[in-house]
Amino acid sequence: MIMNSLNPLPLAALLALSLGGCMQPQADNTERRQPAAEKSATQENRVPGEYLVSLVAGADPEAARALFADYGVTRWRHLRKDTYVVHLQFDPGPQAMARMAHDTATVRYIEPNRIYTTQ
């Protein structure tokens, strides 16, 4: 019979080699746990340096725009009602912008201008 002529040792060695090649040490998860501020804008799927700024009702848009002067406002565009798109030459990052919104009475929120895609 054919079964008797096969030597089980080479088959076991081949199986061990093929399984060993598939097994890799678990990757260190520190890269995936980076704070958002350390990730690039591309990794976050957002337009670099661009934010949506929503003001409280009745707030002066020019006074709010002055809040961003230190970051070099290159574009300030009215989007709807009390919401604007601001593009900054020097991007401090989403966390710094969120802190600014929290610390300023005229700003409801500031969030990155995110890029959404469909598949």
PDB file of N, CA and C in Angstrom:
ATOM      1  N   MET A   1       0.822  -1.176   0.000  1.00  0.00           N
ATOM      2  CA  MET A   1       0.000   0.000   0.000  1.00  0.00           C
ATOM      3  C   MET A   1       0.871   1.245   0.000  1.00  0.00           C
ATOM      4  N   ILE A   2       0.292   2.319  -0.404  1.00  0.00           N
ATOM      5  CA  ILE A   2       0.998   3.591  -0.482  1.00  0.00           C
ATOM      6  C   ILE A   2       1.266   4.147   0.914  1.00  0.00           C
ATOM      7  N   MET A   3       0.352   3.998   1.845  1.00  0.00           N
ATOM      8  CA  MET A   3       0.483   4.545   3.187  1.00  0.00           C
ATOM      9  C   MET A   3       1.716   3.996   3.907  1.00  0.00           C
ATOM     10  N   ASN A   4       2.027   2.736   3.679  1.00  0.00           N
ATOM     11  CA  ASN A   4       3.165   2.133   4.355  1.00  0.00           C
ATOM     12  C   ASN A   4       4.484   2.676   3.837  1.00  0.00           C
ATOM     13  N   SER A   5       4.522   3.180   2.605  1.00  0.00           N
ATOM     14  CA  SER A   5       5.774   3.649   2.037  1.00  0.00           C
ATOM     15  C   SER A   5       6.098   5.085   2.436  1.00  0.00           C
ATOM     16  N   LEU A   6       5.164   5.802   3.017  1.00  0.00           N
ATOM     17  CA  LEU A   6       5.419   7.185   3.430  1.00  0.00           C
ATOM     18  C   LEU A   6       6.075   7.223   4.800  1.00  0.00           C
ATOM     19  N   ASN A   7       7.099   8.002   4.917  1.00  0.00           N
ATOM     20  CA  ASN A   7       7.784   8.172   6.192  1.00  0.00           C
ATOM     21  C   ASN A   7       7.129   9.350   6.919  1.00  0.00           C
ATOM     22  N   PRO A   8       6.595   9.175   8.126  1.00  0.00           N
ATOM     23  CA  PRO A   8       5.896  10.247   8.820  1.00  0.00           C
ATOM     24  C   PRO A   8       6.809  11.377   9.295  1.00  0.00           C
ATOM     25  N   LEU A   9       8.105  11.148   9.404  1.00  0.00           N
ATOM     26  CA  LEU A   9       9.013  12.175   9.912  1.00  0.00           C
ATOM     27  C   LEU A   9       9.116  13.376   8.976  1.00  0.00           C
ATOM     28  N   PRO A  10       9.334  13.229   7.667  1.00  0.00           N
ATOM     29  CA  PRO A  10       9.397  14.403   6.789  1.00  0.00           C
ATOM     30  C   PRO A  10       8.069  15.165   6.752  1.00  0.00           C
ATOM     31  N   LEU A  11       6.955  14.459   6.825  1.00  0.00           N
ATOM     32  CA  LEU A  11       5.662  15.143   6.836  1.00  0.00           C
ATOM     33  C   LEU A  11       5.491  15.981   8.088  1.00  0.00           C
ATOM     34  N   ALA A  12       5.920  15.451   9.226  1.00  0.00           N
ATOM     35  CA  ALA A  12       5.824  16.201  10.483  1.00  0.00           C
ATOM     36  C   ALA A  12       6.727  17.421  10.439  1.00  0.00           C
ATOM     37  N   ALA A  13       7.916  17.273   9.868  1.00  0.00           N
ATOM     38  CA  ALA A  13       8.841  18.407   9.767  1.00  0.00           C
ATOM     39  C   ALA A  13       8.267  19.476   8.843  1.00  0.00           C
ATOM     40  N   LEU A  14       7.684  19.063   7.738  1.00  0.00           N
ATOM     41  CA  LEU A  14       7.076  20.001   6.797  1.00  0.00           C
ATOM     42  C   LEU A  14       5.920  20.743   7.440  1.00  0.00           C
ATOM     43  N   LEU A  15       5.092  20.033   8.187  1.00  0.00           N
ATOM     44  CA  LEU A  15       3.964  20.647   8.892  1.00  0.00           C
ATOM     45  C   LEU A  15       4.457  21.651   9.927  1.00  0.00           C
ATOM     46  N   ALA A  16       5.483  21.304  10.675  1.00  0.00           N
ATOM     47  CA  ALA A  16       6.031  22.203  11.696  1.00  0.00           C
ATOM     48  C   ALA A  16       6.604  23.463  11.067  1.00  0.00           C
ATOM     49  N   LEU A  17       7.300  23.305   9.943  1.00  0.00           N
ATOM     50  CA  LEU A  17       7.857  24.475   9.261  1.00  0.00           C
ATOM     51  C   LEU A  17       6.774  25.394   8.713  1.00  0.00           C
ATOM     52  N   SER A  18       5.742  24.795   8.135  1.00  0.00           N
ATOM     53  CA  SER A  18       4.683  25.630   7.563  1.00  0.00           C
ATOM     54  C   SER A  18       3.901  26.354   8.648  1.00  0.00           C
ATOM     55  N   LEU A  19       3.636  25.706   9.763  1.00  0.00           N
ATOM     56  CA  LEU A  19       2.940  26.367  10.864  1.00  0.00           C
ATOM     57  C   LEU A  19       3.823  27.396  11.540  1.00  0.00           C
ATOM     58  N   GLY A  20       5.101  27.098  11.668  1.00  0.00           N
ATOM     59  CA  GLY A  20       6.035  28.043  12.285  1.00  0.00           C
ATOM     60  C   GLY A  20       6.166  29.312  11.470  1.00  0.00           C
ATOM     61  N   GLY A  21       6.092  29.219  10.151  1.00  0.00           N
ATOM     62  CA  GLY A  21       6.162  30.401   9.292  1.00  0.00           C
ATOM     63  C   GLY A  21       4.950  31.291   9.438  1.00  0.00           C
ATOM     64  N   CYS A  22       3.812  30.709   9.786  1.00  0.00           N
ATOM     65  CA  CYS A  22       2.588  31.487   9.967  1.00  0.00           C
ATOM     66  C   CYS A  22       2.531  32.155  11.327  1.00  0.00           C
ATOM     67  N   MET A  23       3.228  31.596  12.281  1.00  0.00           N
ATOM     68  CA  MET A  23       3.200  32.127  13.638  1.00  0.00           C
ATOM     69  C   MET A  23       4.196  33.275  13.736  1.00  0.00           C
ATOM     70  N   GLN A  24       3.749  34.426  14.158  1.00  0.00           N
ATOM     71  CA  GLN A  24       4.622  35.571  14.359  1.00  0.00           C
ATOM     72  C   GLN A  24       4.413  36.090  15.765  1.00  0.00           C
ATOM     73  N   PRO A  25       5.443  36.662  16.353  1.00  0.00           N
ATOM     74  CA  PRO A  25       5.253  37.215  17.691  1.00  0.00           C
ATOM     75  C   PRO A  25       4.225  38.332  17.647  1.00  0.00           C
ATOM     76  N   GLN A  26       3.475  38.467  18.724  1.00  0.00           N
ATOM     77  CA  GLN A  26       2.436  39.496  18.779  1.00  0.00           C
ATOM     78  C   GLN A  26       3.083  40.866  18.724  1.00  0.00           C
ATOM     79  N   ALA A  27       2.550  41.719  17.877  1.00  0.00           N
ATOM     80  CA  ALA A  27       3.099  43.063  17.705  1.00  0.00           C
ATOM     81  C   ALA A  27       2.850  43.899  18.949  1.00  0.00           C
ATOM     82  N   ASP A  28       3.771  44.795  19.184  1.00  0.00           N
ATOM     83  CA  ASP A  28       3.631  45.722  20.301  1.00  0.00           C
ATOM     84  C   ASP A  28       2.530  46.721  19.960  1.00  0.00           C
ATOM     85  N   ASN A  29       1.554  46.880  20.829  1.00  0.00           N
ATOM     86  CA  ASN A  29       0.403  47.748  20.573  1.00  0.00           C
ATOM     87  C   ASN A  29       0.663  49.208  20.887  1.00  0.00           C
ATOM     88  N   THR A  30       1.875  49.588  21.241  1.00  0.00           N
ATOM     89  CA  THR A  30       2.123  50.980  21.617  1.00  0.00           C
ATOM     90  C   THR A  30       1.880  51.927  20.450  1.00  0.00           C
ATOM     91  N   GLU A  31       2.147  51.495  19.226  1.00  0.00           N
ATOM     92  CA  GLU A  31       1.915  52.371  18.085  1.00  0.00           C
ATOM     93  C   GLU A  31       0.432  52.677  17.926  1.00  0.00           C
ATOM     94  N   ARG A  32      -0.434  51.707  18.170  1.00  0.00           N
ATOM     95  CA  ARG A  32      -1.867  51.915  18.012  1.00  0.00           C
ATOM     96  C   ARG A  32      -2.457  52.732  19.155  1.00  0.00           C
ATOM     97  N   ARG A  33      -1.729  52.864  20.241  1.00  0.00           N
ATOM     98  CA  ARG A  33      -2.240  53.584  21.407  1.00  0.00           C
ATOM     99  C   ARG A  33      -1.733  55.008  21.480  1.00  0.00           C
ATOM    100  N   GLN A  34      -1.192  55.541  20.394  1.00  0.00           N
ATOM    101  CA  GLN A  34      -0.697  56.905  20.389  1.00  0.00           C
ATOM    102  C   GLN A  34      -1.836  57.879  20.656  1.00  0.00           C
ATOM    103  N   PRO A  35      -1.575  58.934  21.402  1.00  0.00           N
ATOM    104  CA  PRO A  35      -2.582  59.981  21.543  1.00  0.00           C
ATOM    105  C   PRO A  35      -2.865  60.613  20.188  1.00  0.00           C
ATOM    106  N   ALA A  36      -4.073  61.109  20.009  1.00  0.00           N
ATOM    107  CA  ALA A  36      -4.476  61.688  18.728  1.00  0.00           C
ATOM    108  C   ALA A  36      -3.573  62.840  18.325  1.00  0.00           C
ATOM    109  N   ALA A  37      -3.066  63.590  19.283  1.00  0.00           N
ATOM    110  CA  ALA A  37      -2.223  64.734  18.963  1.00  0.00           C
ATOM    111  C   ALA A  37      -0.913  64.312  18.305  1.00  0.00           C
ATOM    112  N   GLU A  38      -0.461  63.077  18.553  1.00  0.00           N
ATOM    113  CA  GLU A  38       0.788  62.606  17.975  1.00  0.00           C
ATOM    114  C   GLU A  38       0.598  62.001  16.597  1.00  0.00           C
ATOM    115  N   LYS A  39      -0.607  61.715  16.215  1.00  0.00           N
ATOM    116  CA  LYS A  39      -0.853  61.133  14.909  1.00  0.00           C
ATOM    117  C   LYS A  39      -0.890  62.243  13.869  1.00  0.00           C
ATOM    118  N   SER A  40      -0.509  61.910  12.654  1.00  0.00           N
ATOM    119  CA  SER A  40      -0.580  62.903  11.605  1.00  0.00           C
ATOM    120  C   SER A  40      -2.036  63.084  11.168  1.00  0.00           C
ATOM    121  N   ALA A  41      -2.302  64.198  10.519  1.00  0.00           N
ATOM    122  CA  ALA A  41      -3.656  64.486  10.055  1.00  0.00           C
ATOM    123  C   ALA A  41      -4.135  63.426   9.075  1.00  0.00           C
ATOM    124  N   THR A  42      -3.222  62.883   8.283  1.00  0.00           N
ATOM    125  CA  THR A  42      -3.603  61.857   7.323  1.00  0.00           C
ATOM    126  C   THR A  42      -4.098  60.605   8.041  1.00  0.00           C
ATOM    127  N   GLN A  43      -3.438  60.214   9.133  1.00  0.00           N
ATOM    128  CA  GLN A  43      -3.849  59.038   9.872  1.00  0.00           C
ATOM    129  C   GLN A  43      -5.218  59.249  10.502  1.00  0.00           C
ATOM    130  N   GLU A  44      -5.564  60.486  10.810  1.00  0.00           N
ATOM    131  CA  GLU A  44      -6.842  60.781  11.441  1.00  0.00           C
ATOM    132  C   GLU A  44      -7.947  61.012  10.426  1.00  0.00           C
ATOM    133  N   ASN A  45      -7.643  60.960   9.145  1.00  0.00           N
ATOM    134  CA  ASN A  45      -8.619  61.235   8.094  1.00  0.00           C
ATOM    135  C   ASN A  45      -9.248  62.609   8.266  1.00  0.00           C
ATOM    136  N   ARG A  46      -8.411  63.616   8.324  1.00  0.00           N
ATOM    137  CA  ARG A  46      -8.894  64.980   8.436  1.00  0.00           C
ATOM    138  C   ARG A  46      -8.072  65.877   7.527  1.00  0.00           C
ATOM    139  N   VAL A  47      -8.636  67.032   7.188  1.00  0.00           N
ATOM    140  CA  VAL A  47      -7.912  68.000   6.377  1.00  0.00           C
ATOM    141  C   VAL A  47      -6.900  68.683   7.290  1.00  0.00           C
ATOM    142  N   PRO A  48      -5.616  68.600   6.986  1.00  0.00           N
ATOM    143  CA  PRO A  48      -4.605  69.193   7.858  1.00  0.00           C
ATOM    144  C   PRO A  48      -4.834  70.698   8.047  1.00  0.00           C
ATOM    145  N   GLY A  49      -4.847  71.132   9.306  1.00  0.00           N
ATOM    146  CA  GLY A  49      -4.966  72.549   9.628  1.00  0.00           C
ATOM    147  C   GLY A  49      -6.344  73.138   9.447  1.00  0.00           C
ATOM    148  N   GLU A  50      -7.346  72.326   9.189  1.00  0.00           N
ATOM    149  CA  GLU A  50      -8.689  72.848   8.923  1.00  0.00           C
ATOM    150  C   GLU A  50      -9.668  72.366   9.979  1.00  0.00           C
ATOM    151  N   TYR A  51     -10.476  73.310  10.490  1.00  0.00           N
ATOM    152  CA  TYR A  51     -11.412  73.022  11.575  1.00  0.00           C
ATOM    153  C   TYR A  51     -12.775  73.635  11.295  1.00  0.00           C
ATOM    154  N   LEU A  52     -13.798  72.991  11.854  1.00  0.00           N
ATOM    155  CA  LEU A  52     -15.148  73.541  11.859  1.00  0.00           C
ATOM    156  C   LEU A  52     -15.321  74.237  13.198  1.00  0.00           C
ATOM    157  N   VAL A  53     -15.705  75.499  13.141  1.00  0.00           N
ATOM    158  CA  VAL A  53     -15.855  76.310  14.345  1.00  0.00           C
ATOM    159  C   VAL A  53     -17.305  76.746  14.441  1.00  0.00           C
ATOM    160  N   SER A  54     -17.953  76.387  15.538  1.00  0.00           N
ATOM    161  CA  SER A  54     -19.337  76.785  15.770  1.00  0.00           C
ATOM    162  C   SER A  54     -19.364  77.796  16.914  1.00  0.00           C
ATOM    163  N   LEU A  55     -19.986  78.928  16.655  1.00  0.00           N
ATOM    164  CA  LEU A  55     -20.063  80.000  17.645  1.00  0.00           C
ATOM    165  C   LEU A  55     -21.402  79.967  18.358  1.00  0.00           C
ATOM    166  N   VAL A  56     -21.416  80.502  19.571  1.00  0.00           N
ATOM    167  CA  VAL A  56     -22.687  80.632  20.283  1.00  0.00           C
ATOM    168  C   VAL A  56     -23.528  81.668  19.542  1.00  0.00           C
ATOM    169  N   ALA A  57     -24.831  81.567  19.661  1.00  0.00           N
ATOM    170  CA  ALA A  57     -25.740  82.484  18.966  1.00  0.00           C
ATOM    171  C   ALA A  57     -25.421  83.919  19.356  1.00  0.00           C
ATOM    172  N   GLY A  58     -25.306  84.767  18.355  1.00  0.00           N
ATOM    173  CA  GLY A  58     -25.069  86.186  18.582  1.00  0.00           C
ATOM    174  C   GLY A  58     -23.615  86.570  18.756  1.00  0.00           C
ATOM    175  N   ALA A  59     -22.696  85.624  18.726  1.00  0.00           N
ATOM    176  CA  ALA A  59     -21.269  85.932  18.888  1.00  0.00           C
ATOM    177  C   ALA A  59     -20.744  86.649  17.646  1.00  0.00           C
ATOM    178  N   ASP A  60     -19.819  87.554  17.845  1.00  0.00           N
ATOM    179  CA  ASP A  60     -19.206  88.307  16.754  1.00  0.00           C
ATOM    180  C   ASP A  60     -18.179  87.429  16.040  1.00  0.00           C
ATOM    181  N   PRO A  61     -18.398  87.097  14.768  1.00  0.00           N
ATOM    182  CA  PRO A  61     -17.459  86.224  14.044  1.00  0.00           C
ATOM    183  C   PRO A  61     -16.048  86.802  13.954  1.00  0.00           C
ATOM    184  N   GLU A  62     -15.928  88.122  13.828  1.00  0.00           N
ATOM    185  CA  GLU A  62     -14.595  88.724  13.722  1.00  0.00           C
ATOM    186  C   GLU A  62     -13.838  88.631  15.039  1.00  0.00           C
ATOM    187  N   ALA A  63     -14.536  88.752  16.147  1.00  0.00           N
ATOM    188  CA  ALA A  63     -13.895  88.590  17.455  1.00  0.00           C
ATOM    189  C   ALA A  63     -13.443  87.144  17.636  1.00  0.00           C
ATOM    190  N   ALA A  64     -14.263  86.207  17.192  1.00  0.00           N
ATOM    191  CA  ALA A  64     -13.900  84.794  17.284  1.00  0.00           C
ATOM    192  C   ALA A  64     -12.718  84.488  16.371  1.00  0.00           C
ATOM    193  N   ARG A  65     -12.714  85.100  15.201  1.00  0.00           N
ATOM    194  CA  ARG A  65     -11.608  84.884  14.257  1.00  0.00           C
ATOM    195  C   ARG A  65     -10.286  85.340  14.866  1.00  0.00           C
ATOM    196  N   ALA A  66     -10.339  86.393  15.655  1.00  0.00           N
ATOM    197  CA  ALA A  66      -9.122  86.908  16.292  1.00  0.00           C
ATOM    198  C   ALA A  66      -8.503  85.882  17.256  1.00  0.00           C
ATOM    199  N   LEU A  67      -9.305  84.966  17.771  1.00  0.00           N
ATOM    200  CA  LEU A  67      -8.784  83.923  18.666  1.00  0.00           C
ATOM    201  C   LEU A  67      -7.741  83.038  17.973  1.00  0.00           C
ATOM    202  N   PHE A  68      -7.844  82.935  16.668  1.00  0.00           N
ATOM    203  CA  PHE A  68      -6.973  82.044  15.897  1.00  0.00           C
ATOM    204  C   PHE A  68      -5.783  82.769  15.271  1.00  0.00           C
ATOM    205  N   ALA A  69      -5.626  84.054  15.549  1.00  0.00           N
ATOM    206  CA  ALA A  69      -4.584  84.862  14.909  1.00  0.00           C
ATOM    207  C   ALA A  69      -3.185  84.284  15.122  1.00  0.00           C
ATOM    208  N   ASP A  70      -2.906  83.735  16.289  1.00  0.00           N
ATOM    209  CA  ASP A  70      -1.571  83.179  16.573  1.00  0.00           C
ATOM    210  C   ASP A  70      -1.234  81.976  15.689  1.00  0.00           C
ATOM    211  N   TYR A  71      -2.245  81.357  15.099  1.00  0.00           N
ATOM    212  CA  TYR A  71      -2.037  80.167  14.280  1.00  0.00           C
ATOM    213  C   TYR A  71      -2.027  80.476  12.789  1.00  0.00           C
ATOM    214  N   GLY A  72      -2.139  81.749  12.427  1.00  0.00           N
ATOM    215  CA  GLY A  72      -2.084  82.138  11.018  1.00  0.00           C
ATOM    216  C   GLY A  72      -3.303  81.698  10.234  1.00  0.00           C
ATOM    217  N   VAL A  73      -4.401  82.416  10.366  1.00  0.00           N
ATOM    218  CA  VAL A  73      -5.634  82.094   9.638  1.00  0.00           C
ATOM    219  C   VAL A  73      -5.407  82.368   8.155  1.00  0.00           C
ATOM    220  N   THR A  74      -5.479  81.330   7.346  1.00  0.00           N
ATOM    221  CA  THR A  74      -5.330  81.504   5.899  1.00  0.00           C
ATOM    222  C   THR A  74      -6.684  81.516   5.197  1.00  0.00           C
ATOM    223  N   ARG A  75      -7.710  80.995   5.874  1.00  0.00           N
ATOM    224  CA  ARG A  75      -9.065  81.027   5.294  1.00  0.00           C
ATOM    225  C   ARG A  75     -10.074  80.967   6.435  1.00  0.00           C
ATOM    226  N   TRP A  76     -11.116  81.797   6.320  1.00  0.00           N
ATOM    227  CA  TRP A  76     -12.228  81.826   7.278  1.00  0.00           C
ATOM    228  C   TRP A  76     -13.477  81.918   6.419  1.00  0.00           C
ATOM    229  N   ARG A  77     -14.212  80.826   6.313  1.00  0.00           N
ATOM    230  CA  ARG A  77     -15.358  80.780   5.402  1.00  0.00           C
ATOM    231  C   ARG A  77     -16.623  80.428   6.168  1.00  0.00           C
ATOM    232  N   HIS A  78     -17.681  81.209   5.915  1.00  0.00           N
ATOM    233  CA  HIS A  78     -18.981  80.939   6.534  1.00  0.00           C
ATOM    234  C   HIS A  78     -19.574  79.691   5.890  1.00  0.00           C
ATOM    235  N   LEU A  79     -19.964  78.737   6.719  1.00  0.00           N
ATOM    236  CA  LEU A  79     -20.516  77.483   6.219  1.00  0.00           C
ATOM    237  C   LEU A  79     -22.033  77.481   6.321  1.00  0.00           C
ATOM    238  N   ARG A  80     -22.551  77.752   7.513  1.00  0.00           N
ATOM    239  CA  ARG A  80     -23.995  77.843   7.745  1.00  0.00           C
ATOM    240  C   ARG A  80     -24.221  78.490   9.106  1.00  0.00           C
ATOM    241  N   LYS A  81     -25.308  79.150   9.253  1.00  0.00           N
ATOM    242  CA  LYS A  81     -25.711  79.808  10.498  1.00  0.00           C
ATOM    243  C   LYS A  81     -24.502  80.325  11.283  1.00  0.00           C
ATOM    244  N   ASP A  82     -24.150  79.718  12.408  1.00  0.00           N
ATOM    245  CA  ASP A  82     -23.036  80.164  13.247  1.00  0.00           C
ATOM    246  C   ASP A  82     -21.818  79.256  13.125  1.00  0.00           C
ATOM    247  N   THR A  83     -21.656  78.606  11.971  1.00  0.00           N
ATOM    248  CA  THR A  83     -20.562  77.656  11.775  1.00  0.00           C
ATOM    249  C   THR A  83     -19.655  78.126  10.642  1.00  0.00           C
ATOM    250  N   TYR A  84     -18.347  78.015  10.893  1.00  0.00           N
ATOM    251  CA  TYR A  84     -17.337  78.479   9.942  1.00  0.00           C
ATOM    252  C   TYR A  84     -16.298  77.384   9.727  1.00  0.00           C
ATOM    253  N   VAL A  85     -15.652  77.444   8.564  1.00  0.00           N
ATOM    254  CA  VAL A  85     -14.506  76.595   8.287  1.00  0.00           C
ATOM    255  C   VAL A  85     -13.291  77.508   8.378  1.00  0.00           C
ATOM    256  N   VAL A  86     -12.363  77.143   9.237  1.00  0.00           N
ATOM    257  CA  VAL A  86     -11.145  77.932   9.399  1.00  0.00           C
ATOM    258  C   VAL A  86      -9.951  77.063   9.015  1.00  0.00           C
ATOM    259  N   HIS A  87      -9.071  77.631   8.216  1.00  0.00           N
ATOM    260  CA  HIS A  87      -7.843  76.927   7.840  1.00  0.00           C
ATOM    261  C   HIS A  87      -6.681  77.681   8.464  1.00  0.00           C
ATOM    262  N   LEU A  88      -5.840  76.936   9.200  1.00  0.00           N
ATOM    263  CA  LEU A  88      -4.728  77.528   9.926  1.00  0.00           C
ATOM    264  C   LEU A  88      -3.399  77.142   9.298  1.00  0.00           C
ATOM    265  N   GLN A  89      -2.508  78.103   9.222  1.00  0.00           N
ATOM    266  CA  GLN A  89      -1.172  77.838   8.692  1.00  0.00           C
ATOM    267  C   GLN A  89      -0.382  76.960   9.669  1.00  0.00           C
ATOM    268  N   PHE A  90      -0.523  77.210  10.960  1.00  0.00           N
ATOM    269  CA  PHE A  90       0.161  76.443  11.992  1.00  0.00           C
ATOM    270  C   PHE A  90      -0.888  75.688  12.804  1.00  0.00           C
ATOM    271  N   ASP A  91      -0.965  74.392  12.585  1.00  0.00           N
ATOM    272  CA  ASP A  91      -1.998  73.562  13.201  1.00  0.00           C
ATOM    273  C   ASP A  91      -1.564  73.101  14.595  1.00  0.00           C
ATOM    274  N   PRO A  92      -2.251  73.559  15.658  1.00  0.00           N
ATOM    275  CA  PRO A  92      -1.884  73.128  17.011  1.00  0.00           C
ATOM    276  C   PRO A  92      -2.394  71.726  17.349  1.00  0.00           C
ATOM    277  N   GLY A  93      -3.291  71.183  16.536  1.00  0.00           N
ATOM    278  CA  GLY A  93      -3.848  69.852  16.772  1.00  0.00           C
ATOM    279  C   GLY A  93      -5.234  69.905  17.386  1.00  0.00           C
ATOM    280  N   PRO A  94      -6.015  68.847  17.183  1.00  0.00           N
ATOM    281  CA  PRO A  94      -7.405  68.814  17.649  1.00  0.00           C
ATOM    282  C   PRO A  94      -7.566  68.983  19.158  1.00  0.00           C
ATOM    283  N   GLN A  95      -6.651  68.424  19.952  1.00  0.00           N
ATOM    284  CA  GLN A  95      -6.799  68.544  21.407  1.00  0.00           C
ATOM    285  C   GLN A  95      -6.617  69.980  21.866  1.00  0.00           C
ATOM    286  N   ALA A  96      -5.645  70.681  21.314  1.00  0.00           N
ATOM    287  CA  ALA A  96      -5.434  72.091  21.673  1.00  0.00           C
ATOM    288  C   ALA A  96      -6.628  72.933  21.236  1.00  0.00           C
ATOM    289  N   MET A  97      -7.191  72.619  20.086  1.00  0.00           N
ATOM    290  CA  MET A  97      -8.351  73.376  19.600  1.00  0.00           C
ATOM    291  C   MET A  97      -9.570  73.109  20.472  1.00  0.00           C
ATOM    292  N   ALA A  98      -9.740  71.885  20.925  1.00  0.00           N
ATOM    293  CA  ALA A  98     -10.860  71.555  21.811  1.00  0.00           C
ATOM    294  C   ALA A  98     -10.723  72.295  23.139  1.00  0.00           C
ATOM    295  N   ARG A  99      -9.485  72.398  23.646  1.00  0.00           N
ATOM    296  CA  ARG A  99      -9.263  73.162  24.884  1.00  0.00           C
ATOM    297  C   ARG A  99      -9.614  74.630  24.682  1.00  0.00           C
ATOM    298  N   MET A 100      -9.241  75.173  23.505  1.00  0.00           N
ATOM    299  CA  MET A 100      -9.556  76.571  23.206  1.00  0.00           C
ATOM    300  C   MET A 100     -11.067  76.777  23.213  1.00  0.00           C
ATOM    301  N   ALA A 101     -11.799  75.869  22.609  1.00  0.00           N
ATOM    302  CA  ALA A 101     -13.262  75.974  22.571  1.00  0.00           C
ATOM    303  C   ALA A 101     -13.830  75.922  23.980  1.00  0.00           C
ATOM    304  N   HIS A 102     -13.288  75.059  24.801  1.00  0.00           N
ATOM    305  CA  HIS A 102     -13.759  74.909  26.180  1.00  0.00           C
ATOM    306  C   HIS A 102     -13.499  76.178  26.997  1.00  0.00           C
ATOM    307  N   ASP A 103     -12.375  76.838  26.718  1.00  0.00           N
ATOM    308  CA  ASP A 103     -11.967  78.014  27.493  1.00  0.00           C
ATOM    309  C   ASP A 103     -12.531  79.328  26.972  1.00  0.00           C
ATOM    310  N   THR A 104     -13.258  79.295  25.866  1.00  0.00           N
ATOM    311  CA  THR A 104     -13.763  80.517  25.245  1.00  0.00           C
ATOM    312  C   THR A 104     -15.286  80.534  25.265  1.00  0.00           C
ATOM    313  N   ALA A 105     -15.857  81.594  25.788  1.00  0.00           N
ATOM    314  CA  ALA A 105     -17.319  81.682  25.926  1.00  0.00           C
ATOM    315  C   ALA A 105     -18.036  81.873  24.596  1.00  0.00           C
ATOM    316  N   THR A 106     -17.364  82.395  23.581  1.00  0.00           N
ATOM    317  CA  THR A 106     -18.028  82.661  22.304  1.00  0.00           C
ATOM    318  C   THR A 106     -18.065  81.455  21.366  1.00  0.00           C
ATOM    319  N   VAL A 107     -17.288  80.402  21.695  1.00  0.00           N
ATOM    320  CA  VAL A 107     -17.189  79.236  20.812  1.00  0.00           C
ATOM    321  C   VAL A 107     -17.937  78.057  21.426  1.00  0.00           C
ATOM    322  N   ARG A 108     -18.872  77.493  20.656  1.00  0.00           N
ATOM    323  CA  ARG A 108     -19.581  76.285  21.110  1.00  0.00           C
ATOM    324  C   ARG A 108     -18.699  75.063  20.996  1.00  0.00           C
ATOM    325  N   TYR A 109     -18.100  74.877  19.818  1.00  0.00           N
ATOM    326  CA  TYR A 109     -17.184  73.751  19.614  1.00  0.00           C
ATOM    327  C   TYR A 109     -16.251  74.035  18.455  1.00  0.00           C
ATOM    328  N   ILE A 110     -15.127  73.319  18.473  1.00  0.00           N
ATOM    329  CA  ILE A 110     -14.171  73.309  17.366  1.00  0.00           C
ATOM    330  C   ILE A 110     -13.842  71.845  17.124  1.00  0.00           C
ATOM    331  N   GLU A 111     -13.989  71.425  15.895  1.00  0.00           N
ATOM    332  CA  GLU A 111     -13.645  70.033  15.572  1.00  0.00           C
ATOM    333  C   GLU A 111     -12.902  69.988  14.252  1.00  0.00           C
ATOM    334  N   PRO A 112     -12.063  68.973  14.067  1.00  0.00           N
ATOM    335  CA  PRO A 112     -11.328  68.838  12.803  1.00  0.00           C
ATOM    336  C   PRO A 112     -12.299  68.659  11.634  1.00  0.00           C
ATOM    337  N   ASN A 113     -11.927  69.168  10.488  1.00  0.00           N
ATOM    338  CA  ASN A 113     -12.709  68.959   9.278  1.00  0.00           C
ATOM    339  C   ASN A 113     -12.341  67.575   8.756  1.00  0.00           C
ATOM    340  N   ARG A 114     -13.159  66.619   9.079  1.00  0.00           N
ATOM    341  CA  ARG A 114     -12.893  65.206   8.785  1.00  0.00           C
ATOM    342  C   ARG A 114     -13.190  64.871   7.318  1.00  0.00           C
ATOM    343  N   ILE A 115     -12.482  63.872   6.831  1.00  0.00           N
ATOM    344  CA  ILE A 115     -12.668  63.360   5.478  1.00  0.00           C
ATOM    345  C   ILE A 115     -13.413  62.036   5.594  1.00  0.00           C
ATOM    346  N   TYR A 116     -14.556  61.953   4.970  1.00  0.00           N
ATOM    347  CA  TYR A 116     -15.339  60.717   4.977  1.00  0.00           C
ATOM    348  C   TYR A 116     -15.341  60.131   3.582  1.00  0.00           C
ATOM    349  N   THR A 117     -15.181  58.816   3.507  1.00  0.00           N
ATOM    350  CA  THR A 117     -15.194  58.140   2.214  1.00  0.00           C
ATOM    351  C   THR A 117     -16.213  57.007   2.239  1.00  0.00           C
ATOM    352  N   THR A 118     -16.685  56.660   1.064  1.00  0.00           N
ATOM    353  CA  THR A 118     -17.597  55.518   0.934  1.00  0.00           C
ATOM    354  C   THR A 118     -16.867  54.425   0.174  1.00  0.00           C
ATOM    355  N   GLN A 119     -17.257  53.203   0.439  1.00  0.00           N
ATOM    356  CA  GLN A 119     -16.608  52.091  -0.252  1.00  0.00           C
ATOM    357  C   GLN A 119     -17.617  51.288  -1.020  1.00  0.00           C
TER     358      GLN A 119
END
